[in-house]
Amino acid sequence: MVRYLPIVLLLTAIGCMNRQAPEPSPLVRLSEVAPSIEQRAAYFGSDNFMGRPIRGYEADEVVITREAANALAHAQSLAQAEGLSLLVFDAYRPQRAVDHFVEWGADLADTLNQAAFYPNVPKAELFERGYIAERSGHSRGSTVDLTLTRDGVELDMGTPFDFFDELSHTENAAISEEAMRNRMLLRDIMTEAGFRNYVNEWWHYTLIDEPYPDTYFDQPITAPDTD
C-alpha cells in the first residue's frame, strides 16, 4: 500500500488541476459593486406602466453586468462631486419580462395606468413609436434607466420615468430650463462614464462597450442567497 501512495496523490493532484473553477456570473447585483447608488426597482412592484409586478422580477434588486456596474460606480462618483446621487429604476431585464410587455401590449383594453404613463399616446402605438420594444437592450445586461437625486429627492427632469410621450425625448425644448439643465447634467455624467443616451427617453443609457452585445439573458432577478 505504501509504495502506491505517491502515485495516488499525484493522480489526485492532477485531477484537481484539471477541474476548472466555475465561471463567474456575467450579471451582478448593483448594490454589491456600488452600494451608494440609490435603487427603486420599478418593475418589482405595481407602480409602473402595466400596474403590476413584471414577470422575472422576483426581488427588489437591480442587476447589471459587472462592466456596467463598474461604469455606474464611476458615474456615481461624478454625481457625488456635484452633491448628487444616481437613482436607478431598472437595469438588466429578463427576456421573460419583455415577453410580458408584449403580451400586455396585445391587450388594448388593459389601460389601467394610461393616465399616469401614456396619456397622450394610444396604447396601440407604444411599440411603433419606440417606447417599448419586443427585443430590449436591457436584456443584454448593460442598459440602465436612472435619474439624479439631491438629498433623496429626484431632480426635475420635465417628466417622470417611463412617461411615454414626446416630452420625454431628451432634447425636447418644451420642458423648463431647469429640467433641461438637469437632463444635460445627467447626460454629461453618463457620457463621461462611458454610456450613450437613447434620444426618446431621457432616463435610458447603454454602456458603449457593452460586453454581451448579442446575448439576451432570461434568468430571473432573485434575492441574495442568505445561506
C-alpha atoms as a PDB file:
ATOM      1  CA  MET A   1       0.000   0.000   0.000  1.00  0.00           C
ATOM      2  CA  VAL A   2       2.769   2.437   0.886  1.00  0.00           C
ATOM      3  CA  ARG A   3       4.607   2.114  -2.451  1.00  0.00           C
ATOM      4  CA  TYR A   4       1.462   3.219  -4.391  1.00  0.00           C
ATOM      5  CA  LEU A   5       0.564   6.189  -2.189  1.00  0.00           C
ATOM      6  CA  PRO A   6       2.659   8.788  -4.107  1.00  0.00           C
ATOM      7  CA  ILE A   7       1.006   7.729  -7.374  1.00  0.00           C
ATOM      8  CA  VAL A   8      -2.454   8.133  -5.826  1.00  0.00           C
ATOM      9  CA  LEU A   9      -1.555  11.588  -4.545  1.00  0.00           C
ATOM     10  CA  LEU A  10      -0.152  12.558  -7.935  1.00  0.00           C
ATOM     11  CA  LEU A  11      -3.304  11.458  -9.762  1.00  0.00           C
ATOM     12  CA  THR A  12      -5.440  13.323  -7.216  1.00  0.00           C
ATOM     13  CA  ALA A  13      -3.396  16.494  -7.716  1.00  0.00           C
ATOM     14  CA  ILE A  14      -3.701  16.221 -11.496  1.00  0.00           C
ATOM     15  CA  GLY A  15      -7.451  15.763 -11.174  1.00  0.00           C
ATOM     16  CA  CYS A  16      -7.720  18.901  -9.052  1.00  0.00           C
ATOM     17  CA  MET A  17      -5.659  20.861 -11.569  1.00  0.00           C
ATOM     18  CA  ASN A  18      -7.928  19.759 -14.424  1.00  0.00           C
ATOM     19  CA  ARG A  19     -11.076  20.649 -12.535  1.00  0.00           C
ATOM     20  CA  GLN A  20     -11.847  24.198 -13.675  1.00  0.00           C
ATOM     21  CA  ALA A  21     -13.322  26.763 -11.329  1.00  0.00           C
ATOM     22  CA  PRO A  22     -16.917  27.720 -12.158  1.00  0.00           C
ATOM     23  CA  GLU A  23     -17.292  30.689 -14.475  1.00  0.00           C
ATOM     24  CA  PRO A  24     -18.392  33.844 -12.647  1.00  0.00           C
ATOM     25  CA  SER A  25     -21.881  35.072 -13.491  1.00  0.00           C
ATOM     26  CA  PRO A  26     -21.915  37.845 -16.117  1.00  0.00           C
ATOM     27  CA  LEU A  27     -24.545  39.640 -14.019  1.00  0.00           C
ATOM     28  CA  VAL A  28     -24.098  41.141 -10.547  1.00  0.00           C
ATOM     29  CA  ARG A  29     -26.223  42.992  -8.057  1.00  0.00           C
ATOM     30  CA  LEU A  30     -25.514  46.695  -8.381  1.00  0.00           C
ATOM     31  CA  SER A  31     -25.635  47.064  -4.590  1.00  0.00           C
ATOM     32  CA  GLU A  32     -22.599  44.776  -4.299  1.00  0.00           C
ATOM     33  CA  VAL A  33     -20.465  46.924  -6.616  1.00  0.00           C
ATOM     34  CA  ALA A  34     -21.762  50.455  -5.939  1.00  0.00           C
ATOM     35  CA  PRO A  35     -23.752  50.425  -2.685  1.00  0.00           C
ATOM     36  CA  SER A  36     -24.090  54.219  -2.529  1.00  0.00           C
ATOM     37  CA  ILE A  37     -26.277  54.304  -5.666  1.00  0.00           C
ATOM     38  CA  GLU A  38     -29.952  54.603  -4.787  1.00  0.00           C
ATOM     39  CA  GLN A  39     -32.306  51.966  -6.190  1.00  0.00           C
ATOM     40  CA  ARG A  40     -36.040  51.661  -6.798  1.00  0.00           C
ATOM     41  CA  ALA A  41     -36.845  48.575  -8.841  1.00  0.00           C
ATOM     42  CA  ALA A  42     -39.871  49.861 -10.752  1.00  0.00           C
ATOM     43  CA  TYR A  43     -40.949  46.532 -12.202  1.00  0.00           C
ATOM     44  CA  PHE A  44     -40.819  44.579  -8.958  1.00  0.00           C
ATOM     45  CA  GLY A  45     -43.934  46.357  -7.684  1.00  0.00           C
ATOM     46  CA  SER A  46     -47.050  47.842  -9.259  1.00  0.00           C
ATOM     47  CA  ASP A  47     -46.008  51.474  -9.736  1.00  0.00           C
ATOM     48  CA  ASN A  48     -45.239  51.084 -13.436  1.00  0.00           C
ATOM     49  CA  PHE A  49     -46.976  51.463 -16.787  1.00  0.00           C
ATOM     50  CA  MET A  50     -48.552  47.993 -16.554  1.00  0.00           C
ATOM     51  CA  GLY A  51     -49.732  48.498 -12.979  1.00  0.00           C
ATOM     52  CA  ARG A  52     -48.500  45.125 -11.705  1.00  0.00           C
ATOM     53  CA  PRO A  53     -45.275  43.245 -10.875  1.00  0.00           C
ATOM     54  CA  ILE A  54     -43.498  42.173 -14.053  1.00  0.00           C
ATOM     55  CA  ARG A  55     -42.570  38.569 -14.787  1.00  0.00           C
ATOM     56  CA  GLY A  56     -38.972  37.767 -13.885  1.00  0.00           C
ATOM     57  CA  TYR A  57     -38.648  40.451 -11.174  1.00  0.00           C
ATOM     58  CA  GLU A  58     -38.711  38.284  -8.050  1.00  0.00           C
ATOM     59  CA  ALA A  59     -36.805  40.643  -5.739  1.00  0.00           C
ATOM     60  CA  ASP A  60     -36.386  44.358  -5.135  1.00  0.00           C
ATOM     61  CA  GLU A  61     -32.914  44.274  -6.676  1.00  0.00           C
ATOM     62  CA  VAL A  62     -31.114  45.961  -9.557  1.00  0.00           C
ATOM     63  CA  VAL A  63     -28.941  43.565 -11.570  1.00  0.00           C
ATOM     64  CA  ILE A  64     -26.471  44.513 -14.308  1.00  0.00           C
ATOM     65  CA  THR A  65     -23.248  43.314 -15.957  1.00  0.00           C
ATOM     66  CA  ARG A  66     -20.137  43.815 -13.873  1.00  0.00           C
ATOM     67  CA  GLU A  67     -18.665  46.091 -16.545  1.00  0.00           C
ATOM     68  CA  ALA A  68     -21.717  48.356 -16.494  1.00  0.00           C
ATOM     69  CA  ALA A  69     -21.801  48.284 -12.689  1.00  0.00           C
ATOM     70  CA  ASN A  70     -18.203  49.497 -12.557  1.00  0.00           C
ATOM     71  CA  ALA A  71     -19.029  52.270 -15.038  1.00  0.00           C
ATOM     72  CA  LEU A  72     -22.016  53.280 -12.913  1.00  0.00           C
ATOM     73  CA  ALA A  73     -19.768  53.436  -9.861  1.00  0.00           C
ATOM     74  CA  HIS A  74     -17.689  55.963 -11.784  1.00  0.00           C
ATOM     75  CA  ALA A  75     -20.816  57.886 -12.766  1.00  0.00           C
ATOM     76  CA  GLN A  76     -21.855  57.940  -9.112  1.00  0.00           C
ATOM     77  CA  SER A  77     -18.534  59.497  -8.128  1.00  0.00           C
ATOM     78  CA  LEU A  78     -19.123  62.211 -10.737  1.00  0.00           C
ATOM     79  CA  ALA A  79     -22.643  62.803  -9.423  1.00  0.00           C
ATOM     80  CA  GLN A  80     -21.417  62.944  -5.828  1.00  0.00           C
ATOM     81  CA  ALA A  81     -18.908  65.621  -6.839  1.00  0.00           C
ATOM     82  CA  GLU A  82     -21.976  67.719  -7.706  1.00  0.00           C
ATOM     83  CA  GLY A  83     -23.668  66.948  -4.387  1.00  0.00           C
ATOM     84  CA  LEU A  84     -25.996  64.465  -6.104  1.00  0.00           C
ATOM     85  CA  SER A  85     -26.644  60.731  -6.385  1.00  0.00           C
ATOM     86  CA  LEU A  86     -27.809  58.353  -9.055  1.00  0.00           C
ATOM     87  CA  LEU A  87     -31.180  56.669  -8.598  1.00  0.00           C
ATOM     88  CA  VAL A  88     -31.645  53.524 -10.713  1.00  0.00           C
ATOM     89  CA  PHE A  89     -35.113  52.306 -11.708  1.00  0.00           C
ATOM     90  CA  ASP A  90     -34.131  49.364 -13.878  1.00  0.00           C
ATOM     91  CA  ALA A  91     -31.101  47.752 -15.494  1.00  0.00           C
ATOM     92  CA  TYR A  92     -30.926  44.097 -16.576  1.00  0.00           C
ATOM     93  CA  ARG A  93     -34.385  42.979 -17.705  1.00  0.00           C
ATOM     94  CA  PRO A  94     -35.084  39.264 -18.185  1.00  0.00           C
ATOM     95  CA  GLN A  95     -36.398  38.351 -21.638  1.00  0.00           C
ATOM     96  CA  ARG A  96     -39.478  36.904 -19.944  1.00  0.00           C
ATOM     97  CA  ALA A  97     -40.254  40.418 -18.679  1.00  0.00           C
ATOM     98  CA  VAL A  98     -40.018  41.781 -22.215  1.00  0.00           C
ATOM     99  CA  ASP A  99     -42.363  38.992 -23.335  1.00  0.00           C
ATOM    100  CA  HIS A 100     -44.725  40.105 -20.553  1.00  0.00           C
ATOM    101  CA  PHE A 101     -44.669  43.632 -22.004  1.00  0.00           C
ATOM    102  CA  VAL A 102     -45.553  42.249 -25.430  1.00  0.00           C
ATOM    103  CA  GLU A 103     -48.456  40.209 -24.040  1.00  0.00           C
ATOM    104  CA  TRP A 104     -49.744  43.300 -22.236  1.00  0.00           C
ATOM    105  CA  GLY A 105     -49.399  45.362 -25.400  1.00  0.00           C
ATOM    106  CA  ALA A 106     -51.626  42.953 -27.316  1.00  0.00           C
ATOM    107  CA  ASP A 107     -54.497  43.560 -24.878  1.00  0.00           C
ATOM    108  CA  LEU A 108     -55.628  47.025 -25.949  1.00  0.00           C
ATOM    109  CA  ALA A 109     -58.383  47.043 -23.319  1.00  0.00           C
ATOM    110  CA  ASP A 110     -55.868  46.951 -20.460  1.00  0.00           C
ATOM    111  CA  THR A 111     -55.125  50.638 -19.895  1.00  0.00           C
ATOM    112  CA  LEU A 112     -55.010  50.649 -16.090  1.00  0.00           C
ATOM    113  CA  ASN A 113     -52.167  53.188 -15.788  1.00  0.00           C
ATOM    114  CA  GLN A 114     -52.614  55.114 -19.037  1.00  0.00           C
ATOM    115  CA  ALA A 115     -53.358  58.415 -17.295  1.00  0.00           C
ATOM    116  CA  ALA A 116     -50.068  58.322 -15.411  1.00  0.00           C
ATOM    117  CA  PHE A 117     -47.704  56.878 -18.019  1.00  0.00           C
ATOM    118  CA  TYR A 118     -49.024  57.434 -21.556  1.00  0.00           C
ATOM    119  CA  PRO A 119     -51.976  59.869 -21.504  1.00  0.00           C
ATOM    120  CA  ASN A 120     -51.279  61.293 -24.971  1.00  0.00           C
ATOM    121  CA  VAL A 121     -50.210  58.173 -26.859  1.00  0.00           C
ATOM    122  CA  PRO A 122     -52.651  55.435 -27.915  1.00  0.00           C
ATOM    123  CA  LYS A 123     -51.616  52.136 -26.401  1.00  0.00           C
ATOM    124  CA  ALA A 124     -51.609  50.557 -29.870  1.00  0.00           C
ATOM    125  CA  GLU A 125     -48.773  52.916 -30.871  1.00  0.00           C
ATOM    126  CA  LEU A 126     -46.418  52.427 -27.914  1.00  0.00           C
ATOM    127  CA  PHE A 127     -44.303  49.848 -29.719  1.00  0.00           C
ATOM    128  CA  GLU A 128     -44.175  51.525 -33.124  1.00  0.00           C
ATOM    129  CA  ARG A 129     -43.165  54.815 -31.532  1.00  0.00           C
ATOM    130  CA  GLY A 130     -40.241  53.105 -29.806  1.00  0.00           C
ATOM    131  CA  TYR A 131     -41.316  53.471 -26.180  1.00  0.00           C
ATOM    132  CA  ILE A 132     -41.500  49.694 -25.644  1.00  0.00           C
ATOM    133  CA  ALA A 133     -39.542  47.090 -27.613  1.00  0.00           C
ATOM    134  CA  GLU A 134     -40.187  43.442 -28.388  1.00  0.00           C
ATOM    135  CA  ARG A 135     -36.436  42.912 -28.098  1.00  0.00           C
ATOM    136  CA  SER A 136     -34.882  45.125 -25.442  1.00  0.00           C
ATOM    137  CA  GLY A 137     -31.254  46.117 -24.964  1.00  0.00           C
ATOM    138  CA  HIS A 138     -31.951  45.845 -21.245  1.00  0.00           C
ATOM    139  CA  SER A 139     -31.877  42.064 -21.625  1.00  0.00           C
ATOM    140  CA  ARG A 140     -28.218  42.257 -22.701  1.00  0.00           C
ATOM    141  CA  GLY A 141     -27.478  43.480 -19.172  1.00  0.00           C
ATOM    142  CA  SER A 142     -25.681  46.781 -19.799  1.00  0.00           C
ATOM    143  CA  THR A 143     -28.571  49.231 -20.184  1.00  0.00           C
ATOM    144  CA  VAL A 144     -29.862  51.259 -17.265  1.00  0.00           C
ATOM    145  CA  ASP A 145     -32.810  53.565 -16.534  1.00  0.00           C
ATOM    146  CA  LEU A 146     -31.962  56.217 -13.975  1.00  0.00           C
ATOM    147  CA  THR A 147     -32.161  59.790 -12.735  1.00  0.00           C
ATOM    148  CA  LEU A 148     -30.400  62.136 -10.314  1.00  0.00           C
ATOM    149  CA  THR A 149     -31.363  62.989  -6.740  1.00  0.00           C
ATOM    150  CA  ARG A 150     -30.320  65.591  -4.209  1.00  0.00           C
ATOM    151  CA  ASP A 151     -30.771  64.596  -0.561  1.00  0.00           C
ATOM    152  CA  GLY A 152     -33.058  61.782  -1.645  1.00  0.00           C
ATOM    153  CA  VAL A 153     -35.317  63.980  -3.785  1.00  0.00           C
ATOM    154  CA  GLU A 154     -35.439  63.436  -7.544  1.00  0.00           C
ATOM    155  CA  LEU A 155     -34.348  66.363  -9.669  1.00  0.00           C
ATOM    156  CA  ASP A 156     -36.918  67.850 -12.035  1.00  0.00           C
ATOM    157  CA  MET A 157     -36.450  66.147 -15.390  1.00  0.00           C
ATOM    158  CA  GLY A 158     -39.585  67.513 -17.028  1.00  0.00           C
ATOM    159  CA  THR A 159     -41.419  64.168 -16.931  1.00  0.00           C
ATOM    160  CA  PRO A 160     -41.426  61.139 -14.651  1.00  0.00           C
ATOM    161  CA  PHE A 161     -39.542  57.952 -15.523  1.00  0.00           C
ATOM    162  CA  ASP A 162     -41.351  55.778 -18.094  1.00  0.00           C
ATOM    163  CA  PHE A 163     -43.580  58.644 -19.224  1.00  0.00           C
ATOM    164  CA  PHE A 164     -44.224  57.654 -22.831  1.00  0.00           C
ATOM    165  CA  ASP A 165     -44.533  60.961 -24.595  1.00  0.00           C
ATOM    166  CA  GLU A 166     -42.511  63.325 -26.796  1.00  0.00           C
ATOM    167  CA  LEU A 167     -41.868  65.403 -23.675  1.00  0.00           C
ATOM    168  CA  SER A 168     -39.587  62.576 -22.545  1.00  0.00           C
ATOM    169  CA  HIS A 169     -37.349  62.945 -25.603  1.00  0.00           C
ATOM    170  CA  THR A 170     -34.046  64.036 -24.116  1.00  0.00           C
ATOM    171  CA  GLU A 171     -33.685  67.310 -26.021  1.00  0.00           C
ATOM    172  CA  ASN A 172     -37.355  68.287 -26.221  1.00  0.00           C
ATOM    173  CA  ALA A 173     -37.311  72.077 -25.896  1.00  0.00           C
ATOM    174  CA  ALA A 174     -40.833  72.199 -24.479  1.00  0.00           C
ATOM    175  CA  ILE A 175     -39.654  71.391 -20.962  1.00  0.00           C
ATOM    176  CA  SER A 176     -38.475  74.021 -18.475  1.00  0.00           C
ATOM    177  CA  GLU A 177     -34.940  75.401 -18.470  1.00  0.00           C
ATOM    178  CA  GLU A 178     -34.278  73.776 -15.110  1.00  0.00           C
ATOM    179  CA  ALA A 179     -35.424  70.370 -16.349  1.00  0.00           C
ATOM    180  CA  MET A 180     -33.253  70.712 -19.444  1.00  0.00           C
ATOM    181  CA  ARG A 181     -30.218  71.599 -17.332  1.00  0.00           C
ATOM    182  CA  ASN A 182     -30.834  68.528 -15.204  1.00  0.00           C
ATOM    183  CA  ARG A 183     -31.177  66.276 -18.240  1.00  0.00           C
ATOM    184  CA  MET A 184     -27.981  67.647 -19.722  1.00  0.00           C
ATOM    185  CA  LEU A 185     -26.172  67.179 -16.410  1.00  0.00           C
ATOM    186  CA  LEU A 186     -27.290  63.555 -16.284  1.00  0.00           C
ATOM    187  CA  ARG A 187     -26.200  63.062 -19.885  1.00  0.00           C
ATOM    188  CA  ASP A 188     -22.809  64.663 -19.233  1.00  0.00           C
ATOM    189  CA  ILE A 189     -22.218  62.405 -16.234  1.00  0.00           C
ATOM    190  CA  MET A 190     -23.277  59.260 -18.033  1.00  0.00           C
ATOM    191  CA  THR A 191     -21.353  60.119 -21.196  1.00  0.00           C
ATOM    192  CA  GLU A 192     -18.161  60.660 -19.227  1.00  0.00           C
ATOM    193  CA  ALA A 193     -18.721  57.289 -17.560  1.00  0.00           C
ATOM    194  CA  GLY A 194     -18.964  55.544 -20.931  1.00  0.00           C
ATOM    195  CA  PHE A 195     -22.698  55.405 -21.650  1.00  0.00           C
ATOM    196  CA  ARG A 196     -24.833  56.686 -24.537  1.00  0.00           C
ATOM    197  CA  ASN A 197     -28.377  58.001 -24.269  1.00  0.00           C
ATOM    198  CA  TYR A 198     -31.468  56.802 -26.136  1.00  0.00           C
ATOM    199  CA  VAL A 199     -32.843  60.052 -27.549  1.00  0.00           C
ATOM    200  CA  ASN A 200     -36.526  59.198 -26.963  1.00  0.00           C
ATOM    201  CA  GLU A 201     -36.034  58.617 -23.231  1.00  0.00           C
ATOM    202  CA  TRP A 202     -34.001  60.948 -21.035  1.00  0.00           C
ATOM    203  CA  TRP A 203     -33.547  58.183 -18.422  1.00  0.00           C
ATOM    204  CA  HIS A 204     -32.236  55.428 -20.747  1.00  0.00           C
ATOM    205  CA  TYR A 205     -28.488  54.765 -21.123  1.00  0.00           C
ATOM    206  CA  THR A 206     -26.453  51.891 -22.566  1.00  0.00           C
ATOM    207  CA  LEU A 207     -22.787  51.139 -21.911  1.00  0.00           C
ATOM    208  CA  ILE A 208     -20.966  51.918 -25.174  1.00  0.00           C
ATOM    209  CA  ASP A 209     -18.574  48.977 -24.806  1.00  0.00           C
ATOM    210  CA  GLU A 210     -21.230  46.538 -23.621  1.00  0.00           C
ATOM    211  CA  PRO A 211     -19.703  43.096 -23.037  1.00  0.00           C
ATOM    212  CA  TYR A 212     -22.592  40.960 -24.362  1.00  0.00           C
ATOM    213  CA  PRO A 213     -23.966  42.824 -27.401  1.00  0.00           C
ATOM    214  CA  ASP A 214     -25.501  39.690 -28.937  1.00  0.00           C
ATOM    215  CA  THR A 215     -26.762  37.894 -25.817  1.00  0.00           C
ATOM    216  CA  TYR A 216     -30.264  38.270 -24.402  1.00  0.00           C
ATOM    217  CA  PHE A 217     -30.365  36.844 -20.870  1.00  0.00           C
ATOM    218  CA  ASP A 218     -33.506  35.423 -19.300  1.00  0.00           C
ATOM    219  CA  GLN A 219     -32.591  34.413 -15.754  1.00  0.00           C
ATOM    220  CA  PRO A 220     -34.992  35.927 -13.194  1.00  0.00           C
ATOM    221  CA  ILE A 221     -33.887  38.572 -10.709  1.00  0.00           C
ATOM    222  CA  THR A 222     -33.860  36.966  -7.279  1.00  0.00           C
ATOM    223  CA  ALA A 223     -32.967  37.956  -3.740  1.00  0.00           C
ATOM    224  CA  PRO A 224     -29.426  37.299  -2.458  1.00  0.00           C
ATOM    225  CA  ASP A 225     -28.766  33.842  -1.056  1.00  0.00           C
ATOM    226  CA  THR A 226     -28.823  34.171   2.741  1.00  0.00           C
ATOM    227  CA  ASP A 227     -27.302  30.764   3.448  1.00  0.00           C
END
